[in-house]
Amino acid sequence: MKFRSVKSTVGNLFCPVASVIILMTTLIALPGCGSGAPEPGSSINTEPDSPETVTAAPVIGFILIPAPPDTVRLRWFGEGPAVIDELMVLPGDSVSQGDTLMTLTESLRLVELERLAMEVQIALAALRAIPGDSLLQIRYDSLTAISDSLVTLSVVPMLSPVTGEVHLIPGQTGDTVLPGTILVTLTSGPGTLFLASPPPGVMMDRWPESAGGMTLIETGPEGAVYSGDGGTVDADFSMVRSVNRNALFEDDLRMLMISLEGDTLEVIRAGTSGADVIVILPLITDGTEFITWGN
């Protein structure tokens, strides 16, 4: 079968190929034709575009001034109800910062402890019925160890955040308290409370639970009240950073930031500073770059 030669009539629009076989409607580029092929020695960039990154700048300029002696009210802030296990102090007692005032157990843990105690008693009864049974002995020992560990982990100590005097303890051993209930009222000593205010232009909705040698007592419209040693303000609040909002990624109820090296950090949103977001994050090296997630 013979094919008719097709010649170019528009200058260099087509390569001077002697004959063309039309096999499909898709245009097929012939090697060496036109200027589409790369020049010898040239390279094609196949690397993906580098991600845009930002840094988390430290927020500098917090103002910390000594506050006069005041009444400090300590509340229960657990996720649910709790039971007062033991009182360590009485009204009128002098306390130092860090002293244990009372211990509590969360009600949900009490339910689990009661269930485990019942299983321990059942295992013990079975072991007494069949003395020397190795499997029953292993089960009894395991349940006892788990129960003892849970008892230890369930106890929540209430520590004094200030040096001062116990003024009032409304509850008593065995009482059930709800979140927000006042547990102890203290009168702080001189030089133990400090009022922290944010720098100009920074709005703080949440403050660090601890800042260096200081412990958060309460927050208000003017700032936050801390107890302890005032120390160096910039160092105490070095975990408070200002970052572009595009560097924050929400995963369920968590807020995350991912460094250029691939480290994932869980952060707490604490406020705003202009268009940036104020976050509380683990101590990082200044200049650490974080990946952004779009505009």
C-alpha atoms as a PDB file:
ATOM      1  CA  MET A   1       0.000   0.000   0.000  1.00  0.00           C
ATOM      2  CA  LYS A   2       1.330   3.432  -0.913  1.00  0.00           C
ATOM      3  CA  PHE A   3       0.925   6.658   1.092  1.00  0.00           C
ATOM      4  CA  ARG A   4       0.891  10.111  -0.414  1.00  0.00           C
ATOM      5  CA  SER A   5       3.597  12.510   0.763  1.00  0.00           C
ATOM      6  CA  VAL A   6       2.388  15.508   2.779  1.00  0.00           C
ATOM      7  CA  LYS A   7       4.610  18.584   2.438  1.00  0.00           C
ATOM      8  CA  SER A   8       4.766  21.663   4.659  1.00  0.00           C
ATOM      9  CA  THR A   9       3.393  24.838   3.123  1.00  0.00           C
ATOM     10  CA  VAL A  10       3.788  27.152   6.166  1.00  0.00           C
ATOM     11  CA  GLY A  11       7.491  27.683   6.531  1.00  0.00           C
ATOM     12  CA  ASN A  12       8.907  25.839   9.547  1.00  0.00           C
ATOM     13  CA  LEU A  13       5.540  25.038  11.151  1.00  0.00           C
ATOM     14  CA  PHE A  14       6.195  21.349  10.591  1.00  0.00           C
ATOM     15  CA  CYS A  15       9.442  19.414  10.416  1.00  0.00           C
ATOM     16  CA  PRO A  16      10.520  18.425   6.887  1.00  0.00           C
ATOM     17  CA  VAL A  17       9.461  14.804   7.346  1.00  0.00           C
ATOM     18  CA  ALA A  18       9.144  12.944   4.088  1.00  0.00           C
ATOM     19  CA  SER A  19       5.927  11.216   4.987  1.00  0.00           C
ATOM     20  CA  VAL A  20       3.447  11.257   7.837  1.00  0.00           C
ATOM     21  CA  ILE A  21       1.346   8.328   8.935  1.00  0.00           C
ATOM     22  CA  ILE A  22      -1.790   9.506  10.694  1.00  0.00           C
ATOM     23  CA  LEU A  23      -2.524   6.866  13.343  1.00  0.00           C
ATOM     24  CA  MET A  24      -4.582   8.943  15.846  1.00  0.00           C
ATOM     25  CA  THR A  25      -5.926  12.436  16.330  1.00  0.00           C
ATOM     26  CA  THR A  26      -3.507  13.242  19.158  1.00  0.00           C
ATOM     27  CA  LEU A  27      -0.592  15.376  18.030  1.00  0.00           C
ATOM     28  CA  ILE A  28       2.667  13.481  18.509  1.00  0.00           C
ATOM     29  CA  ALA A  29       5.855  15.528  18.801  1.00  0.00           C
ATOM     30  CA  LEU A  30       8.685  14.035  16.877  1.00  0.00           C
ATOM     31  CA  PRO A  31      12.121  13.978  18.521  1.00  0.00           C
ATOM     32  CA  GLY A  32      14.326  16.815  17.441  1.00  0.00           C
ATOM     33  CA  CYS A  33      11.492  18.867  15.943  1.00  0.00           C
ATOM     34  CA  GLY A  34      10.834  22.455  16.917  1.00  0.00           C
ATOM     35  CA  SER A  35      12.169  24.113  20.091  1.00  0.00           C
ATOM     36  CA  GLY A  36      10.281  22.052  22.717  1.00  0.00           C
ATOM     37  CA  ALA A  37      13.128  19.663  23.578  1.00  0.00           C
ATOM     38  CA  PRO A  38      15.639  20.742  26.218  1.00  0.00           C
ATOM     39  CA  GLU A  39      19.055  21.826  25.061  1.00  0.00           C
ATOM     40  CA  PRO A  40      21.922  19.405  25.692  1.00  0.00           C
ATOM     41  CA  GLY A  41      23.349  19.899  29.171  1.00  0.00           C
ATOM     42  CA  SER A  42      20.235  21.670  30.508  1.00  0.00           C
ATOM     43  CA  SER A  43      18.302  20.326  33.539  1.00  0.00           C
ATOM     44  CA  ILE A  44      14.643  20.205  34.484  1.00  0.00           C
ATOM     45  CA  ASN A  45      13.691  21.262  38.031  1.00  0.00           C
ATOM     46  CA  THR A  46      11.676  18.374  39.428  1.00  0.00           C
ATOM     47  CA  GLU A  47      11.967  19.443  43.095  1.00  0.00           C
ATOM     48  CA  PRO A  48       8.714  20.616  44.784  1.00  0.00           C
ATOM     49  CA  ASP A  49       8.432  24.225  45.807  1.00  0.00           C
ATOM     50  CA  SER A  50       9.819  24.853  49.287  1.00  0.00           C
ATOM     51  CA  PRO A  51       7.067  25.410  51.891  1.00  0.00           C
ATOM     52  CA  GLU A  52       6.568  28.899  53.229  1.00  0.00           C
ATOM     53  CA  THR A  53       7.751  29.206  56.814  1.00  0.00           C
ATOM     54  CA  VAL A  54       7.492  31.675  59.668  1.00  0.00           C
ATOM     55  CA  THR A  55       9.110  32.020  63.079  1.00  0.00           C
ATOM     56  CA  ALA A  56       7.499  32.349  66.514  1.00  0.00           C
ATOM     57  CA  ALA A  57       8.800  35.600  67.949  1.00  0.00           C
ATOM     58  CA  PRO A  58       9.054  35.943  71.736  1.00  0.00           C
ATOM     59  CA  VAL A  59       6.633  38.430  73.259  1.00  0.00           C
ATOM     60  CA  ILE A  60       8.759  40.902  75.196  1.00  0.00           C
ATOM     61  CA  GLY A  61       7.659  43.661  77.523  1.00  0.00           C
ATOM     62  CA  PHE A  62       5.462  42.016  80.161  1.00  0.00           C
ATOM     63  CA  ILE A  63       5.097  44.253  83.201  1.00  0.00           C
ATOM     64  CA  LEU A  64       5.377  42.583  86.596  1.00  0.00           C
ATOM     65  CA  ILE A  65       4.800  44.550  89.781  1.00  0.00           C
ATOM     66  CA  PRO A  66       4.486  43.368  93.394  1.00  0.00           C
ATOM     67  CA  ALA A  67       0.887  43.152  94.574  1.00  0.00           C
ATOM     68  CA  PRO A  68      -0.162  43.887  98.152  1.00  0.00           C
ATOM     69  CA  PRO A  69      -1.004  40.979 100.494  1.00  0.00           C
ATOM     70  CA  ASP A  70      -4.379  39.615  99.552  1.00  0.00           C
ATOM     71  CA  THR A  71      -6.847  36.792 100.095  1.00  0.00           C
ATOM     72  CA  VAL A  72      -6.186  33.882  97.759  1.00  0.00           C
ATOM     73  CA  ARG A  73      -9.063  31.502  97.009  1.00  0.00           C
ATOM     74  CA  LEU A  74      -8.126  28.054  95.741  1.00  0.00           C
ATOM     75  CA  ARG A  75     -10.768  26.217  93.728  1.00  0.00           C
ATOM     76  CA  TRP A  76     -11.223  22.717  92.348  1.00  0.00           C
ATOM     77  CA  PHE A  77     -10.648  22.810  88.586  1.00  0.00           C
ATOM     78  CA  GLY A  78     -10.879  19.113  87.690  1.00  0.00           C
ATOM     79  CA  GLU A  79     -12.908  17.832  84.752  1.00  0.00           C
ATOM     80  CA  GLY A  80     -15.626  16.558  87.095  1.00  0.00           C
ATOM     81  CA  PRO A  81     -16.588  16.180  90.767  1.00  0.00           C
ATOM     82  CA  ALA A  82     -14.043  15.087  93.359  1.00  0.00           C
ATOM     83  CA  VAL A  83     -14.081  13.866  96.950  1.00  0.00           C
ATOM     84  CA  ILE A  84     -11.937  15.386  99.709  1.00  0.00           C
ATOM     85  CA  ASP A  85      -9.756  12.562 101.044  1.00  0.00           C
ATOM     86  CA  GLU A  86      -7.716  14.226 103.761  1.00  0.00           C
ATOM     87  CA  LEU A  87      -7.148  17.692 105.214  1.00  0.00           C
ATOM     88  CA  MET A  88      -3.510  18.491 106.002  1.00  0.00           C
ATOM     89  CA  VAL A  89      -4.025  21.937 107.578  1.00  0.00           C
ATOM     90  CA  LEU A  90      -6.529  23.820 109.708  1.00  0.00           C
ATOM     91  CA  PRO A  91      -7.608  27.481 109.735  1.00  0.00           C
ATOM     92  CA  GLY A  92      -4.928  29.583 111.420  1.00  0.00           C
ATOM     93  CA  ASP A  93      -2.028  27.360 110.313  1.00  0.00           C
ATOM     94  CA  SER A  94       0.973  28.998 108.632  1.00  0.00           C
ATOM     95  CA  VAL A  95       1.939  27.491 105.282  1.00  0.00           C
ATOM     96  CA  SER A  96       4.778  27.884 102.817  1.00  0.00           C
ATOM     97  CA  GLN A  97       4.572  27.844  99.051  1.00  0.00           C
ATOM     98  CA  GLY A  98       4.356  24.219  97.897  1.00  0.00           C
ATOM     99  CA  ASP A  99       2.879  22.786 101.129  1.00  0.00           C
ATOM    100  CA  THR A 100       0.089  20.218 100.681  1.00  0.00           C
ATOM    101  CA  LEU A 101      -3.190  21.610 101.992  1.00  0.00           C
ATOM    102  CA  MET A 102      -5.454  18.626 101.215  1.00  0.00           C
ATOM    103  CA  THR A 103      -5.797  15.632  98.909  1.00  0.00           C
ATOM    104  CA  LEU A 104      -8.736  14.781  96.662  1.00  0.00           C
ATOM    105  CA  THR A 105      -9.823  11.930  94.391  1.00  0.00           C
ATOM    106  CA  GLU A 106     -11.826  12.475  91.221  1.00  0.00           C
ATOM    107  CA  SER A 107     -15.238  10.803  91.361  1.00  0.00           C
ATOM    108  CA  LEU A 108     -14.715   8.948  88.075  1.00  0.00           C
ATOM    109  CA  ARG A 109     -11.578   7.380  89.513  1.00  0.00           C
ATOM    110  CA  LEU A 110     -13.524   6.346  92.621  1.00  0.00           C
ATOM    111  CA  VAL A 111     -15.939   4.345  90.470  1.00  0.00           C
ATOM    112  CA  GLU A 112     -13.014   2.566  88.815  1.00  0.00           C
ATOM    113  CA  LEU A 113     -11.386   1.930  92.197  1.00  0.00           C
ATOM    114  CA  GLU A 114     -14.594   0.392  93.546  1.00  0.00           C
ATOM    115  CA  ARG A 115     -14.870  -1.890  90.504  1.00  0.00           C
ATOM    116  CA  LEU A 116     -11.266  -3.027  90.902  1.00  0.00           C
ATOM    117  CA  ALA A 117     -11.731  -3.597  94.634  1.00  0.00           C
ATOM    118  CA  MET A 118     -14.664  -5.895  93.858  1.00  0.00           C
ATOM    119  CA  GLU A 119     -12.585  -7.853  91.330  1.00  0.00           C
ATOM    120  CA  VAL A 120      -9.775  -8.197  93.893  1.00  0.00           C
ATOM    121  CA  GLN A 121     -12.222  -9.618  96.448  1.00  0.00           C
ATOM    122  CA  ILE A 122     -13.623 -12.102  93.892  1.00  0.00           C
ATOM    123  CA  ALA A 123     -10.108 -13.214  92.940  1.00  0.00           C
ATOM    124  CA  LEU A 124      -9.189 -13.606  96.615  1.00  0.00           C
ATOM    125  CA  ALA A 125     -12.299 -15.715  97.311  1.00  0.00           C
ATOM    126  CA  ALA A 126     -11.485 -17.978  94.351  1.00  0.00           C
ATOM    127  CA  LEU A 127      -7.888 -18.356  95.543  1.00  0.00           C
ATOM    128  CA  ARG A 128      -9.057 -19.333  99.035  1.00  0.00           C
ATOM    129  CA  ALA A 129     -11.404 -21.896  97.520  1.00  0.00           C
ATOM    130  CA  ILE A 130      -8.576 -23.461  95.479  1.00  0.00           C
ATOM    131  CA  PRO A 131      -5.360 -22.805  97.424  1.00  0.00           C
ATOM    132  CA  GLY A 132      -2.149 -23.095  95.449  1.00  0.00           C
ATOM    133  CA  ASP A 133      -3.727 -22.491  92.024  1.00  0.00           C
ATOM    134  CA  SER A 134      -0.994 -20.620  90.158  1.00  0.00           C
ATOM    135  CA  LEU A 135      -3.312 -18.959  87.633  1.00  0.00           C
ATOM    136  CA  LEU A 136      -5.625 -17.652  90.348  1.00  0.00           C
ATOM    137  CA  GLN A 137      -2.592 -16.409  92.283  1.00  0.00           C
ATOM    138  CA  ILE A 138      -1.299 -14.527  89.227  1.00  0.00           C
ATOM    139  CA  ARG A 139      -4.718 -12.938  88.638  1.00  0.00           C
ATOM    140  CA  TYR A 140      -5.024 -11.886  92.288  1.00  0.00           C
ATOM    141  CA  ASP A 141      -1.501 -10.400  92.335  1.00  0.00           C
ATOM    142  CA  SER A 142      -2.085  -8.544  89.061  1.00  0.00           C
ATOM    143  CA  LEU A 143      -5.408  -7.032  90.158  1.00  0.00           C
ATOM    144  CA  THR A 144      -3.911  -5.985  93.491  1.00  0.00           C
ATOM    145  CA  ALA A 145      -0.981  -4.258  91.778  1.00  0.00           C
ATOM    146  CA  ILE A 146      -3.290  -2.434  89.353  1.00  0.00           C
ATOM    147  CA  SER A 147      -5.549  -1.318  92.188  1.00  0.00           C
ATOM    148  CA  ASP A 148      -2.627  -0.017  94.256  1.00  0.00           C
ATOM    149  CA  SER A 149      -1.244   1.907  91.270  1.00  0.00           C
ATOM    150  CA  LEU A 150      -4.629   3.459  90.493  1.00  0.00           C
ATOM    151  CA  VAL A 151      -5.034   4.552  94.116  1.00  0.00           C
ATOM    152  CA  THR A 152      -1.672   6.331  93.945  1.00  0.00           C
ATOM    153  CA  LEU A 153      -2.422   7.984  90.590  1.00  0.00           C
ATOM    154  CA  SER A 154      -5.929   9.031  91.649  1.00  0.00           C
ATOM    155  CA  VAL A 155      -4.835  11.169  94.584  1.00  0.00           C
ATOM    156  CA  VAL A 156      -4.689  14.855  93.628  1.00  0.00           C
ATOM    157  CA  PRO A 157      -2.785  17.095  96.075  1.00  0.00           C
ATOM    158  CA  MET A 158      -3.870  20.695  96.560  1.00  0.00           C
ATOM    159  CA  LEU A 159      -0.682  22.713  97.036  1.00  0.00           C
ATOM    160  CA  SER A 160      -0.346  26.164  98.513  1.00  0.00           C
ATOM    161  CA  PRO A 161       0.733  28.637  95.832  1.00  0.00           C
ATOM    162  CA  VAL A 162       1.783  31.239  98.396  1.00  0.00           C
ATOM    163  CA  THR A 163       3.449  31.652 101.763  1.00  0.00           C
ATOM    164  CA  GLY A 164       0.852  32.845 104.223  1.00  0.00           C
ATOM    165  CA  GLU A 165      -1.869  31.677 106.585  1.00  0.00           C
ATOM    166  CA  VAL A 166      -4.882  29.404 106.175  1.00  0.00           C
ATOM    167  CA  HIS A 167      -7.966  31.551 106.613  1.00  0.00           C
ATOM    168  CA  LEU A 168     -10.878  29.210 105.816  1.00  0.00           C
ATOM    169  CA  ILE A 169     -11.581  25.620 104.729  1.00  0.00           C
ATOM    170  CA  PRO A 170     -15.298  25.350 103.871  1.00  0.00           C
ATOM    171  CA  GLY A 171     -15.361  21.574 103.333  1.00  0.00           C
ATOM    172  CA  GLN A 172     -14.399  18.501 105.321  1.00  0.00           C
ATOM    173  CA  THR A 173     -13.191  14.980 104.682  1.00  0.00           C
ATOM    174  CA  GLY A 174     -15.636  12.992 102.559  1.00  0.00           C
ATOM    175  CA  ASP A 175     -17.319  15.994 100.949  1.00  0.00           C
ATOM    176  CA  THR A 176     -17.943  15.966  97.191  1.00  0.00           C
ATOM    177  CA  VAL A 177     -16.887  19.166  95.431  1.00  0.00           C
ATOM    178  CA  LEU A 178     -17.769  20.389  91.949  1.00  0.00           C
ATOM    179  CA  PRO A 179     -15.512  22.258  89.498  1.00  0.00           C
ATOM    180  CA  GLY A 180     -15.203  25.870  90.642  1.00  0.00           C
ATOM    181  CA  THR A 181     -15.830  25.095  94.335  1.00  0.00           C
ATOM    182  CA  ILE A 182     -13.616  27.061  96.764  1.00  0.00           C
ATOM    183  CA  LEU A 183     -11.518  24.574  98.741  1.00  0.00           C
ATOM    184  CA  VAL A 184      -9.196  26.785 100.759  1.00  0.00           C
ATOM    185  CA  THR A 185      -8.882  30.495 101.441  1.00  0.00           C
ATOM    186  CA  LEU A 186      -5.407  31.779 102.260  1.00  0.00           C
ATOM    187  CA  THR A 187      -4.048  35.128 103.357  1.00  0.00           C
ATOM    188  CA  SER A 188      -0.826  35.747 101.490  1.00  0.00           C
ATOM    189  CA  GLY A 189       2.272  37.152 103.116  1.00  0.00           C
ATOM    190  CA  PRO A 190       4.070  40.290 101.896  1.00  0.00           C
ATOM    191  CA  GLY A 191       6.160  40.016  98.734  1.00  0.00           C
ATOM    192  CA  THR A 192       4.531  36.799  97.497  1.00  0.00           C
ATOM    193  CA  LEU A 193       2.027  38.081  94.919  1.00  0.00           C
ATOM    194  CA  PHE A 194       2.777  39.785  91.600  1.00  0.00           C
ATOM    195  CA  LEU A 195       0.493  41.362  89.012  1.00  0.00           C
ATOM    196  CA  ALA A 196       1.498  40.607  85.422  1.00  0.00           C
ATOM    197  CA  SER A 197       0.281  42.837  82.584  1.00  0.00           C
ATOM    198  CA  PRO A 198       0.775  42.195  78.850  1.00  0.00           C
ATOM    199  CA  PRO A 199       2.837  44.491  76.597  1.00  0.00           C
ATOM    200  CA  PRO A 200       1.005  47.259  74.697  1.00  0.00           C
ATOM    201  CA  GLY A 201      -1.003  45.897  71.766  1.00  0.00           C
ATOM    202  CA  VAL A 202      -1.138  42.349  73.163  1.00  0.00           C
ATOM    203  CA  MET A 203      -4.471  40.887  74.288  1.00  0.00           C
ATOM    204  CA  MET A 204      -4.099  37.875  76.609  1.00  0.00           C
ATOM    205  CA  ASP A 205      -7.109  35.549  76.885  1.00  0.00           C
ATOM    206  CA  ARG A 206      -5.131  32.863  78.665  1.00  0.00           C
ATOM    207  CA  TRP A 207      -1.994  32.938  80.811  1.00  0.00           C
ATOM    208  CA  PRO A 208       0.668  30.253  81.451  1.00  0.00           C
ATOM    209  CA  GLU A 209      -0.087  28.074  84.486  1.00  0.00           C
ATOM    210  CA  SER A 210       3.480  28.641  85.607  1.00  0.00           C
ATOM    211  CA  ALA A 211       6.095  31.145  84.563  1.00  0.00           C
ATOM    212  CA  GLY A 212       9.563  30.390  85.788  1.00  0.00           C
ATOM    213  CA  GLY A 213       9.368  30.402  89.585  1.00  0.00           C
ATOM    214  CA  MET A 214       5.830  31.794  89.625  1.00  0.00           C
ATOM    215  CA  THR A 215       2.452  30.034  89.835  1.00  0.00           C
ATOM    216  CA  LEU A 216      -0.752  31.410  88.336  1.00  0.00           C
ATOM    217  CA  ILE A 217      -3.329  32.319  90.999  1.00  0.00           C
ATOM    218  CA  GLU A 218      -6.090  34.061  89.057  1.00  0.00           C
ATOM    219  CA  THR A 219      -6.741  36.170  85.976  1.00  0.00           C
ATOM    220  CA  GLY A 220      -8.682  39.367  85.475  1.00  0.00           C
ATOM    221  CA  PRO A 221      -9.223  42.224  83.019  1.00  0.00           C
ATOM    222  CA  GLU A 222      -5.990  43.914  84.105  1.00  0.00           C
ATOM    223  CA  GLY A 223      -3.786  40.843  83.782  1.00  0.00           C
ATOM    224  CA  ALA A 224      -2.887  37.854  85.915  1.00  0.00           C
ATOM    225  CA  VAL A 225      -1.879  37.389  89.545  1.00  0.00           C
ATOM    226  CA  TYR A 226       1.107  35.117  90.153  1.00  0.00           C
ATOM    227  CA  SER A 227       2.719  33.948  93.360  1.00  0.00           C
ATOM    228  CA  GLY A 228       6.363  33.250  94.018  1.00  0.00           C
ATOM    229  CA  ASP A 229       9.604  34.879  92.975  1.00  0.00           C
ATOM    230  CA  GLY A 230       9.171  37.619  90.391  1.00  0.00           C
ATOM    231  CA  GLY A 231      12.507  36.773  88.769  1.00  0.00           C
ATOM    232  CA  THR A 232      13.367  38.007  85.299  1.00  0.00           C
ATOM    233  CA  VAL A 233      10.162  38.797  83.465  1.00  0.00           C
ATOM    234  CA  ASP A 234      11.360  38.101  79.932  1.00  0.00           C
ATOM    235  CA  ALA A 235      12.747  34.711  80.975  1.00  0.00           C
ATOM    236  CA  ASP A 236       9.615  33.794  82.927  1.00  0.00           C
ATOM    237  CA  PHE A 237       7.334  34.432  79.950  1.00  0.00           C
ATOM    238  CA  SER A 238       9.651  33.113  77.256  1.00  0.00           C
ATOM    239  CA  MET A 239       7.106  30.422  76.344  1.00  0.00           C
ATOM    240  CA  VAL A 240       4.679  33.144  75.177  1.00  0.00           C
ATOM    241  CA  ARG A 241       5.194  33.683  71.439  1.00  0.00           C
ATOM    242  CA  SER A 242       3.657  35.665  68.603  1.00  0.00           C
ATOM    243  CA  VAL A 243       3.149  33.757  65.355  1.00  0.00           C
ATOM    244  CA  ASN A 244       1.398  34.129  61.994  1.00  0.00           C
ATOM    245  CA  ARG A 245      -2.047  32.511  62.228  1.00  0.00           C
ATOM    246  CA  ASN A 246      -1.314  30.428  59.106  1.00  0.00           C
ATOM    247  CA  ALA A 247       1.239  28.428  61.105  1.00  0.00           C
ATOM    248  CA  LEU A 248      -1.503  27.020  63.357  1.00  0.00           C
ATOM    249  CA  PHE A 249      -3.191  23.720  62.508  1.00  0.00           C
ATOM    250  CA  GLU A 250      -6.265  22.495  64.403  1.00  0.00           C
ATOM    251  CA  ASP A 251      -6.569  18.753  64.939  1.00  0.00           C
ATOM    252  CA  ASP A 252      -9.791  17.870  66.797  1.00  0.00           C
ATOM    253  CA  LEU A 253      -9.480  19.824  70.060  1.00  0.00           C
ATOM    254  CA  ARG A 254      -5.726  20.316  69.785  1.00  0.00           C
ATOM    255  CA  MET A 255      -3.805  23.169  68.196  1.00  0.00           C
ATOM    256  CA  LEU A 256      -0.524  22.187  66.554  1.00  0.00           C
ATOM    257  CA  MET A 257       2.505  23.767  64.923  1.00  0.00           C
ATOM    258  CA  ILE A 258       4.940  21.821  62.748  1.00  0.00           C
ATOM    259  CA  SER A 259       8.560  22.851  62.415  1.00  0.00           C
ATOM    260  CA  LEU A 260      10.469  22.710  59.140  1.00  0.00           C
ATOM    261  CA  GLU A 261      12.400  19.744  60.597  1.00  0.00           C
ATOM    262  CA  GLY A 262       9.126  17.843  61.029  1.00  0.00           C
ATOM    263  CA  ASP A 263       8.672  18.196  64.805  1.00  0.00           C
ATOM    264  CA  THR A 264       5.033  18.568  65.881  1.00  0.00           C
ATOM    265  CA  LEU A 265       4.357  20.822  68.870  1.00  0.00           C
ATOM    266  CA  GLU A 266       1.048  21.132  70.681  1.00  0.00           C
ATOM    267  CA  VAL A 267       0.399  24.761  71.589  1.00  0.00           C
ATOM    268  CA  ILE A 268      -2.203  26.759  73.512  1.00  0.00           C
ATOM    269  CA  ARG A 269      -3.866  29.759  71.902  1.00  0.00           C
ATOM    270  CA  ALA A 270      -3.487  32.584  74.417  1.00  0.00           C
ATOM    271  CA  GLY A 271      -4.506  35.810  72.653  1.00  0.00           C
ATOM    272  CA  THR A 272      -3.784  38.148  69.775  1.00  0.00           C
ATOM    273  CA  SER A 273      -1.315  40.834  68.765  1.00  0.00           C
ATOM    274  CA  GLY A 274      -2.527  42.665  65.692  1.00  0.00           C
ATOM    275  CA  ALA A 275      -2.913  40.103  62.902  1.00  0.00           C
ATOM    276  CA  ASP A 276      -0.742  37.556  64.729  1.00  0.00           C
ATOM    277  CA  VAL A 277      -1.812  34.965  67.285  1.00  0.00           C
ATOM    278  CA  ILE A 278      -0.301  34.706  70.764  1.00  0.00           C
ATOM    279  CA  VAL A 279       0.466  31.109  71.718  1.00  0.00           C
ATOM    280  CA  ILE A 280       1.964  29.275  74.674  1.00  0.00           C
ATOM    281  CA  LEU A 281       4.331  26.620  73.402  1.00  0.00           C
ATOM    282  CA  PRO A 282       7.204  24.509  74.729  1.00  0.00           C
ATOM    283  CA  LEU A 283      10.543  26.255  74.932  1.00  0.00           C
ATOM    284  CA  ILE A 284      12.101  26.397  71.468  1.00  0.00           C
ATOM    285  CA  THR A 285      15.281  27.728  69.950  1.00  0.00           C
ATOM    286  CA  ASP A 286      14.899  31.277  68.669  1.00  0.00           C
ATOM    287  CA  GLY A 287      14.723  31.237  64.881  1.00  0.00           C
ATOM    288  CA  THR A 288      12.950  27.859  64.631  1.00  0.00           C
ATOM    289  CA  GLU A 289      10.947  27.852  61.391  1.00  0.00           C
ATOM    290  CA  PHE A 290       7.355  26.600  61.232  1.00  0.00           C
ATOM    291  CA  ILE A 291       5.405  25.520  58.149  1.00  0.00           C
ATOM    292  CA  THR A 292       2.396  27.609  57.131  1.00  0.00           C
ATOM    293  CA  TRP A 293      -0.914  26.097  56.032  1.00  0.00           C
ATOM    294  CA  GLY A 294      -2.185  28.557  53.438  1.00  0.00           C
ATOM    295  CA  ASN A 295      -3.498  32.091  53.296  1.00  0.00           C
END
